[in-house]
């Protein structure tokens, strides 16, 4: 099941997206963005979790119980 989101892009970024779409590499801008997000998450998820856990640990050290 797919879910939709609305995003706003600068004209410059939209132009960069449209080129590979127009060349047939992607069905449309939404397809491009989906692939780009998936690519980013596949390469950065571990790093993001590590930063999140580190932040939570540091925040927890300053909590008063």
PDB file of N, CA and C in Angstrom:
ATOM      1  N   UNK A   1       0.841  -1.180   0.000  1.00  0.00           N
ATOM      2  CA  UNK A   1       0.000   0.000   0.000  1.00  0.00           C
ATOM      3  C   UNK A   1       0.886   1.243   0.000  1.00  0.00           C
ATOM      4  N   UNK A   2       0.660   2.133  -0.906  1.00  0.00           N
ATOM      5  CA  UNK A   2       1.424   3.371  -0.974  1.00  0.00           C
ATOM      6  C   UNK A   2       0.690   4.478  -0.242  1.00  0.00           C
ATOM      7  N   UNK A   3       1.467   5.350   0.353  1.00  0.00           N
ATOM      8  CA  UNK A   3       0.923   6.540   1.008  1.00  0.00           C
ATOM      9  C   UNK A   3       1.492   7.756   0.304  1.00  0.00           C
ATOM     10  N   UNK A   4       0.729   8.815   0.250  1.00  0.00           N
ATOM     11  CA  UNK A   4       1.191  10.017  -0.433  1.00  0.00           C
ATOM     12  C   UNK A   4       1.647  11.083   0.545  1.00  0.00           C
ATOM     13  N   UNK A   5       2.591  11.885   0.086  1.00  0.00           N
ATOM     14  CA  UNK A   5       3.026  13.061   0.828  1.00  0.00           C
ATOM     15  C   UNK A   5       3.147  14.210  -0.156  1.00  0.00           C
ATOM     16  N   UNK A   6       2.958  15.401   0.344  1.00  0.00           N
ATOM     17  CA  UNK A   6       3.148  16.590  -0.483  1.00  0.00           C
ATOM     18  C   UNK A   6       4.486  17.214  -0.123  1.00  0.00           C
ATOM     19  N   UNK A   7       5.274  17.557  -1.134  1.00  0.00           N
ATOM     20  CA  UNK A   7       6.547  18.231  -0.897  1.00  0.00           C
ATOM     21  C   UNK A   7       6.650  19.436  -1.814  1.00  0.00           C
ATOM     22  N   UNK A   8       7.394  20.404  -1.378  1.00  0.00           N
ATOM     23  CA  UNK A   8       7.671  21.573  -2.203  1.00  0.00           C
ATOM     24  C   UNK A   8       9.152  21.537  -2.560  1.00  0.00           C
ATOM     25  N   UNK A   9       9.429  21.724  -3.830  1.00  0.00           N
ATOM     26  CA  UNK A   9      10.802  21.716  -4.316  1.00  0.00           C
ATOM     27  C   UNK A   9      11.101  23.047  -4.981  1.00  0.00           C
ATOM     28  N   UNK A  10      12.344  23.462  -4.887  1.00  0.00           N
ATOM     29  CA  UNK A  10      12.750  24.682  -5.583  1.00  0.00           C
ATOM     30  C   UNK A  10      12.686  24.426  -7.080  1.00  0.00           C
ATOM     31  N   UNK A  11      12.459  25.469  -7.858  1.00  0.00           N
ATOM     32  CA  UNK A  11      12.452  25.291  -9.325  1.00  0.00           C
ATOM     33  C   UNK A  11      13.753  24.662  -9.840  1.00  0.00           C
ATOM     34  N   UNK A  12      14.864  25.022  -9.225  1.00  0.00           N
ATOM     35  CA  UNK A  12      16.159  24.474  -9.644  1.00  0.00           C
ATOM     36  C   UNK A  12      16.225  22.962  -9.421  1.00  0.00           C
ATOM     37  N   UNK A  13      15.760  22.503  -8.248  1.00  0.00           N
ATOM     38  CA  UNK A  13      15.771  21.072  -7.955  1.00  0.00           C
ATOM     39  C   UNK A  13      14.770  20.335  -8.838  1.00  0.00           C
ATOM     40  N   UNK A  14      13.611  20.912  -9.035  1.00  0.00           N
ATOM     41  CA  UNK A  14      12.613  20.282  -9.902  1.00  0.00           C
ATOM     42  C   UNK A  14      13.152  20.126 -11.319  1.00  0.00           C
ATOM     43  N   UNK A  15      13.890  21.114 -11.793  1.00  0.00           N
ATOM     44  CA  UNK A  15      14.488  21.037 -13.135  1.00  0.00           C
ATOM     45  C   UNK A  15      15.474  19.871 -13.214  1.00  0.00           C
ATOM     46  N   UNK A  16      16.266  19.686 -12.142  1.00  0.00           N
ATOM     47  CA  UNK A  16      17.224  18.572 -12.117  1.00  0.00           C
ATOM     48  C   UNK A  16      16.503  17.231 -12.107  1.00  0.00           C
ATOM     49  N   UNK A  17      15.353  17.166 -11.457  1.00  0.00           N
ATOM     50  CA  UNK A  17      14.569  15.930 -11.421  1.00  0.00           C
ATOM     51  C   UNK A  17      13.941  15.662 -12.788  1.00  0.00           C
ATOM     52  N   UNK A  18      13.449  16.700 -13.425  1.00  0.00           N
ATOM     53  CA  UNK A  18      12.750  16.533 -14.694  1.00  0.00           C
ATOM     54  C   UNK A  18      13.643  15.980 -15.798  1.00  0.00           C
ATOM     55  N   UNK A  19      14.924  16.306 -15.776  1.00  0.00           N
ATOM     56  CA  UNK A  19      15.815  15.821 -16.836  1.00  0.00           C
ATOM     57  C   UNK A  19      15.832  14.292 -16.919  1.00  0.00           C
ATOM     58  N   UNK A  20      16.144  13.558 -15.825  1.00  0.00           N
ATOM     59  CA  UNK A  20      16.130  12.096 -15.944  1.00  0.00           C
ATOM     60  C   UNK A  20      14.717  11.537 -16.194  1.00  0.00           C
ATOM     61  N   UNK A  21      13.689  12.244 -15.719  1.00  0.00           N
ATOM     62  CA  UNK A  21      12.315  11.813 -16.008  1.00  0.00           C
ATOM     63  C   UNK A  21      12.064  11.932 -17.514  1.00  0.00           C
ATOM     64  N   UNK A  22      12.426  13.069 -18.084  1.00  0.00           N
ATOM     65  CA  UNK A  22      12.227  13.281 -19.519  1.00  0.00           C
ATOM     66  C   UNK A  22      13.046  12.310 -20.370  1.00  0.00           C
ATOM     67  N   UNK A  23      14.181  11.871 -19.836  1.00  0.00           N
ATOM     68  CA  UNK A  23      15.026  10.916 -20.555  1.00  0.00           C
ATOM     69  C   UNK A  23      14.506   9.480 -20.427  1.00  0.00           C
ATOM     70  N   UNK A  24      13.477   9.280 -19.610  1.00  0.00           N
ATOM     71  CA  UNK A  24      12.872   7.956 -19.474  1.00  0.00           C
ATOM     72  C   UNK A  24      13.443   7.103 -18.358  1.00  0.00           C
ATOM     73  N   UNK A  25      14.299   7.674 -17.540  1.00  0.00           N
ATOM     74  CA  UNK A  25      14.888   6.907 -16.445  1.00  0.00           C
ATOM     75  C   UNK A  25      13.878   6.653 -15.321  1.00  0.00           C
ATOM     76  N   UNK A  26      12.906   7.543 -15.187  1.00  0.00           N
ATOM     77  CA  UNK A  26      11.862   7.428 -14.157  1.00  0.00           C
ATOM     78  C   UNK A  26      10.515   7.716 -14.795  1.00  0.00           C
ATOM     79  N   UNK A  27       9.441   7.130 -14.204  1.00  0.00           N
ATOM     80  CA  UNK A  27       8.095   7.338 -14.736  1.00  0.00           C
ATOM     81  C   UNK A  27       7.644   8.785 -14.587  1.00  0.00           C
ATOM     82  N   UNK A  28       8.003   9.369 -13.448  1.00  0.00           N
ATOM     83  CA  UNK A  28       7.584  10.743 -13.151  1.00  0.00           C
ATOM     84  C   UNK A  28       8.414  11.247 -11.967  1.00  0.00           C
ATOM     85  N   UNK A  29       8.160  12.483 -11.538  1.00  0.00           N
ATOM     86  CA  UNK A  29       8.926  13.071 -10.434  1.00  0.00           C
ATOM     87  C   UNK A  29       8.714  12.288  -9.139  1.00  0.00           C
ATOM     88  N   UNK A  30       7.508  11.796  -8.914  1.00  0.00           N
ATOM     89  CA  UNK A  30       7.244  11.013  -7.701  1.00  0.00           C
ATOM     90  C   UNK A  30       8.089   9.748  -7.665  1.00  0.00           C
ATOM     91  N   UNK A  31       8.214   9.087  -8.799  1.00  0.00           N
ATOM     92  CA  UNK A  31       9.045   7.893  -8.898  1.00  0.00           C
ATOM     93  C   UNK A  31      10.496   8.228  -8.585  1.00  0.00           C
ATOM     94  N   UNK A  32      10.980   9.337  -9.123  1.00  0.00           N
ATOM     95  CA  UNK A  32      12.352   9.777  -8.856  1.00  0.00           C
ATOM     96  C   UNK A  32      12.557   9.997  -7.363  1.00  0.00           C
ATOM     97  N   UNK A  33      11.651  10.730  -6.729  1.00  0.00           N
ATOM     98  CA  UNK A  33      11.789  11.040  -5.300  1.00  0.00           C
ATOM     99  C   UNK A  33      11.738   9.760  -4.475  1.00  0.00           C
ATOM    100  N   UNK A  34      10.854   8.828  -4.819  1.00  0.00           N
ATOM    101  CA  UNK A  34      10.778   7.561  -4.087  1.00  0.00           C
ATOM    102  C   UNK A  34      12.095   6.799  -4.170  1.00  0.00           C
ATOM    103  N   UNK A  35      12.666   6.718  -5.345  1.00  0.00           N
ATOM    104  CA  UNK A  35      13.947   6.020  -5.528  1.00  0.00           C
ATOM    105  C   UNK A  35      15.054   6.739  -4.762  1.00  0.00           C
ATOM    106  N   UNK A  36      15.061   8.071  -4.821  1.00  0.00           N
ATOM    107  CA  UNK A  36      16.094   8.846  -4.132  1.00  0.00           C
ATOM    108  C   UNK A  36      16.012   8.665  -2.621  1.00  0.00           C
ATOM    109  N   UNK A  37      14.812   8.671  -2.071  1.00  0.00           N
ATOM    110  CA  UNK A  37      14.644   8.487  -0.621  1.00  0.00           C
ATOM    111  C   UNK A  37      15.067   7.068  -0.228  1.00  0.00           C
ATOM    112  N   UNK A  38      14.645   6.078  -0.991  1.00  0.00           N
ATOM    113  CA  UNK A  38      15.029   4.695  -0.696  1.00  0.00           C
ATOM    114  C   UNK A  38      16.544   4.538  -0.732  1.00  0.00           C
ATOM    115  N   UNK A  39      17.182   5.098  -1.749  1.00  0.00           N
ATOM    116  CA  UNK A  39      18.636   5.048  -1.893  1.00  0.00           C
ATOM    117  C   UNK A  39      19.311   5.689  -0.685  1.00  0.00           C
ATOM    118  N   UNK A  40      18.833   6.871  -0.290  1.00  0.00           N
ATOM    119  CA  UNK A  40      19.409   7.571   0.857  1.00  0.00           C
ATOM    120  C   UNK A  40      19.269   6.740   2.129  1.00  0.00           C
ATOM    121  N   UNK A  41      18.076   6.226   2.384  1.00  0.00           N
ATOM    122  CA  UNK A  41      17.846   5.460   3.612  1.00  0.00           C
ATOM    123  C   UNK A  41      18.650   4.171   3.661  1.00  0.00           C
ATOM    124  N   UNK A  42      18.805   3.514   2.514  1.00  0.00           N
ATOM    125  CA  UNK A  42      19.606   2.283   2.482  1.00  0.00           C
ATOM    126  C   UNK A  42      21.054   2.551   2.875  1.00  0.00           C
ATOM    127  N   UNK A  43      21.535   3.743   2.598  1.00  0.00           N
ATOM    128  CA  UNK A  43      22.929   4.062   2.867  1.00  0.00           C
ATOM    129  C   UNK A  43      23.167   4.797   4.182  1.00  0.00           C
ATOM    130  N   UNK A  44      22.109   5.334   4.785  1.00  0.00           N
ATOM    131  CA  UNK A  44      22.297   6.167   5.973  1.00  0.00           C
ATOM    132  C   UNK A  44      21.488   5.746   7.196  1.00  0.00           C
ATOM    133  N   UNK A  45      20.687   4.696   7.112  1.00  0.00           N
ATOM    134  CA  UNK A  45      19.832   4.316   8.231  1.00  0.00           C
ATOM    135  C   UNK A  45      20.644   3.983   9.482  1.00  0.00           C
ATOM    136  N   UNK A  46      21.692   3.174   9.348  1.00  0.00           N
ATOM    137  CA  UNK A  46      22.510   2.822  10.511  1.00  0.00           C
ATOM    138  C   UNK A  46      23.107   4.066  11.154  1.00  0.00           C
ATOM    139  N   UNK A  47      23.615   4.961  10.329  1.00  0.00           N
ATOM    140  CA  UNK A  47      24.204   6.203  10.818  1.00  0.00           C
ATOM    141  C   UNK A  47      23.160   7.056  11.535  1.00  0.00           C
ATOM    142  N   UNK A  48      21.961   7.129  10.990  1.00  0.00           N
ATOM    143  CA  UNK A  48      20.898   7.926  11.620  1.00  0.00           C
ATOM    144  C   UNK A  48      20.508   7.336  12.968  1.00  0.00           C
ATOM    145  N   UNK A  49      20.398   6.001  13.045  1.00  0.00           N
ATOM    146  CA  UNK A  49      20.050   5.361  14.317  1.00  0.00           C
ATOM    147  C   UNK A  49      21.140   5.591  15.357  1.00  0.00           C
ATOM    148  N   UNK A  50      22.391   5.492  14.939  1.00  0.00           N
ATOM    149  CA  UNK A  50      23.496   5.724  15.867  1.00  0.00           C
ATOM    150  C   UNK A  50      23.440   7.139  16.424  1.00  0.00           C
ATOM    151  N   UNK A  51      23.184   8.115  15.575  1.00  0.00           N
ATOM    152  CA  UNK A  51      23.082   9.502  16.032  1.00  0.00           C
ATOM    153  C   UNK A  51      21.882   9.685  16.954  1.00  0.00           C
ATOM    154  N   UNK A  52      20.769   9.034  16.626  1.00  0.00           N
ATOM    155  CA  UNK A  52      19.570   9.131  17.451  1.00  0.00           C
ATOM    156  C   UNK A  52      19.822   8.538  18.841  1.00  0.00           C
ATOM    157  N   UNK A  53      20.409   7.348  18.874  1.00  0.00           N
ATOM    158  CA  UNK A  53      20.682   6.694  20.157  1.00  0.00           C
ATOM    159  C   UNK A  53      21.670   7.520  20.970  1.00  0.00           C
ATOM    160  N   UNK A  54      22.701   8.026  20.335  1.00  0.00           N
ATOM    161  CA  UNK A  54      23.682   8.861  21.028  1.00  0.00           C
ATOM    162  C   UNK A  54      23.002  10.100  21.613  1.00  0.00           C
ATOM    163  N   UNK A  55      22.137  10.724  20.843  1.00  0.00           N
ATOM    164  CA  UNK A  55      21.411  11.902  21.317  1.00  0.00           C
ATOM    165  C   UNK A  55      20.532  11.551  22.515  1.00  0.00           C
ATOM    166  N   UNK A  56      19.821  10.429  22.425  1.00  0.00           N
ATOM    167  CA  UNK A  56      18.937  10.017  23.514  1.00  0.00           C
ATOM    168  C   UNK A  56      19.729   9.694  24.780  1.00  0.00           C
ATOM    169  N   UNK A  57      20.880   9.076  24.631  1.00  0.00           N
ATOM    170  CA  UNK A  57      21.722   8.761  25.784  1.00  0.00           C
ATOM    171  C   UNK A  57      22.198  10.049  26.443  1.00  0.00           C
ATOM    172  N   UNK A  58      22.675  10.978  25.631  1.00  0.00           N
ATOM    173  CA  UNK A  58      23.138  12.261  26.177  1.00  0.00           C
ATOM    174  C   UNK A  58      21.993  13.005  26.854  1.00  0.00           C
ATOM    175  N   UNK A  59      20.830  12.994  26.250  1.00  0.00           N
ATOM    176  CA  UNK A  59      19.665  13.675  26.836  1.00  0.00           C
ATOM    177  C   UNK A  59      19.278  12.996  28.145  1.00  0.00           C
ATOM    178  N   UNK A  60      19.356  11.656  28.165  1.00  0.00           N
ATOM    179  CA  UNK A  60      19.012  10.904  29.372  1.00  0.00           C
ATOM    180  C   UNK A  60      19.977  11.166  30.515  1.00  0.00           C
ATOM    181  N   UNK A  61      21.218  11.464  30.204  1.00  0.00           N
ATOM    182  CA  UNK A  61      22.206  11.745  31.246  1.00  0.00           C
ATOM    183  C   UNK A  61      21.875  13.034  31.988  1.00  0.00           C
ATOM    184  N   UNK A  62      21.115  13.905  31.352  1.00  0.00           N
ATOM    185  CA  UNK A  62      20.787  15.191  31.951  1.00  0.00           C
ATOM    186  C   UNK A  62      19.413  15.218  32.608  1.00  0.00           C
ATOM    187  N   UNK A  63      18.696  14.102  32.514  1.00  0.00           N
ATOM    188  CA  UNK A  63      17.367  13.996  33.129  1.00  0.00           C
ATOM    189  C   UNK A  63      17.523  13.811  34.641  1.00  0.00           C
ATOM    190  N   UNK A  64      16.585  14.369  35.369  1.00  0.00           N
ATOM    191  CA  UNK A  64      16.562  14.161  36.815  1.00  0.00           C
ATOM    192  C   UNK A  64      15.451  13.194  37.147  1.00  0.00           C
ATOM    193  N   UNK A  65      15.788  12.124  37.863  1.00  0.00           N
ATOM    194  CA  UNK A  65      14.806  11.116  38.242  1.00  0.00           C
ATOM    195  C   UNK A  65      14.528  11.198  39.719  1.00  0.00           C
TER     196      UNK A  65
END
